[in-house]
Amino acid sequence: MFATCILLTLDQNARTASVHLAGHYAPLLSAAEGIQETTAAHGIALGIAPT
């Protein structure tokens, strides 16, 4: 059994966000300019041992 996960950390004072992925696709950012894919390092899903 395994699970995918996204950890999104928002810093409202600095107006930044950090994205950490574990086996999940990168989230999409929706803004007035349109929709764009975010960039984030991909990790393996939770519960899966690396080989």
N, C-alpha and C. Protein backbone atom coordinates (compact mmCIF):
# COMPACT_ATOMS: atom_id res chain seq x y z
N MET A 1 0.85 -1.17 0.00
CA MET A 1 0.00 0.00 0.00
C MET A 1 0.90 1.24 0.00
N PHE A 2 0.45 2.26 -0.67
CA PHE A 2 1.20 3.51 -0.72
C PHE A 2 0.25 4.69 -0.83
N ALA A 3 0.77 5.87 -0.63
CA ALA A 3 -0.03 7.10 -0.75
C ALA A 3 0.83 8.18 -1.40
N THR A 4 0.18 9.04 -2.19
CA THR A 4 0.88 10.21 -2.71
C THR A 4 0.57 11.39 -1.81
N CYS A 5 1.44 12.39 -1.84
CA CYS A 5 1.30 13.50 -0.90
C CYS A 5 1.88 14.78 -1.50
N ILE A 6 1.27 15.88 -1.17
CA ILE A 6 1.81 17.21 -1.47
C ILE A 6 1.87 17.99 -0.16
N LEU A 7 3.03 18.58 0.12
CA LEU A 7 3.15 19.49 1.26
C LEU A 7 3.39 20.88 0.68
N LEU A 8 2.46 21.78 0.93
CA LEU A 8 2.55 23.15 0.43
C LEU A 8 2.70 24.06 1.63
N THR A 9 3.82 24.79 1.69
CA THR A 9 4.09 25.70 2.79
C THR A 9 3.98 27.13 2.26
N LEU A 10 3.08 27.90 2.84
CA LEU A 10 2.88 29.29 2.43
C LEU A 10 3.50 30.24 3.44
N ASP A 11 4.24 31.23 2.95
CA ASP A 11 4.78 32.29 3.79
C ASP A 11 4.10 33.58 3.35
N GLN A 12 3.10 34.01 4.10
CA GLN A 12 2.32 35.17 3.70
C GLN A 12 3.12 36.46 3.78
N ASN A 13 4.06 36.55 4.71
CA ASN A 13 4.87 37.76 4.82
C ASN A 13 5.81 37.92 3.62
N ALA A 14 6.44 36.82 3.21
CA ALA A 14 7.37 36.87 2.07
C ALA A 14 6.64 36.69 0.74
N ARG A 15 5.35 36.31 0.80
CA ARG A 15 4.54 36.05 -0.38
C ARG A 15 5.18 34.96 -1.26
N THR A 16 5.59 33.86 -0.61
CA THR A 16 6.19 32.73 -1.31
C THR A 16 5.49 31.44 -0.91
N ALA A 17 5.69 30.43 -1.73
CA ALA A 17 5.16 29.09 -1.44
C ALA A 17 6.24 28.08 -1.78
N SER A 18 6.36 27.04 -0.96
CA SER A 18 7.27 25.93 -1.22
C SER A 18 6.43 24.68 -1.42
N VAL A 19 6.77 23.91 -2.44
CA VAL A 19 6.02 22.70 -2.77
C VAL A 19 6.95 21.51 -2.65
N HIS A 20 6.50 20.47 -1.94
CA HIS A 20 7.25 19.23 -1.78
C HIS A 20 6.33 18.09 -2.19
N LEU A 21 6.80 17.22 -3.10
CA LEU A 21 5.97 16.16 -3.65
C LEU A 21 6.49 14.79 -3.27
N ALA A 22 5.59 13.88 -2.98
CA ALA A 22 5.92 12.47 -2.73
C ALA A 22 5.01 11.62 -3.60
N GLY A 23 5.45 11.35 -4.83
CA GLY A 23 4.68 10.50 -5.73
C GLY A 23 3.47 11.16 -6.35
N HIS A 24 3.35 12.45 -6.28
CA HIS A 24 2.18 13.17 -6.78
C HIS A 24 2.60 14.10 -7.91
N TYR A 25 1.67 14.37 -8.81
CA TYR A 25 1.95 15.34 -9.88
C TYR A 25 2.09 16.74 -9.30
N ALA A 26 2.85 17.58 -10.00
CA ALA A 26 2.99 18.97 -9.56
C ALA A 26 1.64 19.68 -9.65
N PRO A 27 1.31 20.51 -8.66
CA PRO A 27 0.02 21.22 -8.69
C PRO A 27 0.01 22.30 -9.77
N LEU A 28 -1.19 22.69 -10.16
CA LEU A 28 -1.37 23.76 -11.14
C LEU A 28 -1.65 25.06 -10.41
N LEU A 29 -1.13 26.15 -10.94
CA LEU A 29 -1.34 27.48 -10.37
C LEU A 29 -2.30 28.24 -11.28
N SER A 30 -3.41 28.67 -10.72
CA SER A 30 -4.40 29.41 -11.48
C SER A 30 -4.31 30.89 -11.11
N ALA A 31 -4.06 31.73 -12.11
CA ALA A 31 -3.93 33.18 -11.89
C ALA A 31 -4.66 33.90 -13.03
N ALA A 32 -4.71 35.20 -12.94
CA ALA A 32 -5.37 36.01 -13.96
C ALA A 32 -4.74 35.78 -15.34
N GLU A 33 -3.45 35.46 -15.37
CA GLU A 33 -2.73 35.26 -16.63
C GLU A 33 -3.02 33.90 -17.24
N GLY A 34 -3.66 33.01 -16.49
CA GLY A 34 -3.95 31.66 -16.99
C GLY A 34 -3.49 30.61 -15.99
N ILE A 35 -3.46 29.37 -16.45
CA ILE A 35 -3.07 28.25 -15.60
C ILE A 35 -1.68 27.80 -16.01
N GLN A 36 -0.82 27.58 -15.02
CA GLN A 36 0.53 27.10 -15.30
C GLN A 36 0.93 26.03 -14.29
N GLU A 37 1.76 25.09 -14.74
CA GLU A 37 2.23 24.03 -13.87
C GLU A 37 3.38 24.56 -13.01
N THR A 38 3.38 24.21 -11.75
CA THR A 38 4.45 24.64 -10.87
C THR A 38 5.65 23.71 -11.05
N THR A 39 6.81 24.16 -10.62
CA THR A 39 8.01 23.32 -10.66
C THR A 39 8.33 22.87 -9.25
N ALA A 40 8.58 21.61 -9.10
CA ALA A 40 8.91 21.04 -7.79
C ALA A 40 9.67 19.75 -8.00
N ALA A 41 10.55 19.45 -7.06
CA ALA A 41 11.29 18.19 -7.12
C ALA A 41 10.33 17.06 -6.79
N HIS A 42 10.43 15.95 -7.54
CA HIS A 42 9.55 14.82 -7.34
C HIS A 42 10.24 13.77 -6.48
N GLY A 43 9.53 13.26 -5.49
CA GLY A 43 10.01 12.15 -4.68
C GLY A 43 9.11 10.95 -4.94
N ILE A 44 9.47 9.81 -4.34
CA ILE A 44 8.65 8.61 -4.51
C ILE A 44 7.46 8.66 -3.57
N ALA A 45 6.45 7.87 -3.88
CA ALA A 45 5.24 7.81 -3.05
C ALA A 45 5.57 7.29 -1.65
N LEU A 46 4.78 7.65 -0.68
CA LEU A 46 4.98 7.21 0.70
C LEU A 46 4.65 5.72 0.79
N GLY A 47 5.48 4.97 1.50
CA GLY A 47 5.25 3.54 1.68
C GLY A 47 5.93 2.67 0.65
N ILE A 48 6.68 3.27 -0.27
CA ILE A 48 7.41 2.50 -1.28
C ILE A 48 8.90 2.63 -0.98
N ALA A 49 9.57 1.51 -0.80
CA ALA A 49 11.01 1.53 -0.52
C ALA A 49 11.78 1.74 -1.82
N PRO A 50 12.74 2.66 -1.82
CA PRO A 50 13.54 2.88 -3.03
C PRO A 50 14.41 1.64 -3.33
N THR A 51 14.63 1.38 -4.61
CA THR A 51 15.45 0.23 -4.98
C THR A 51 16.74 0.65 -5.61
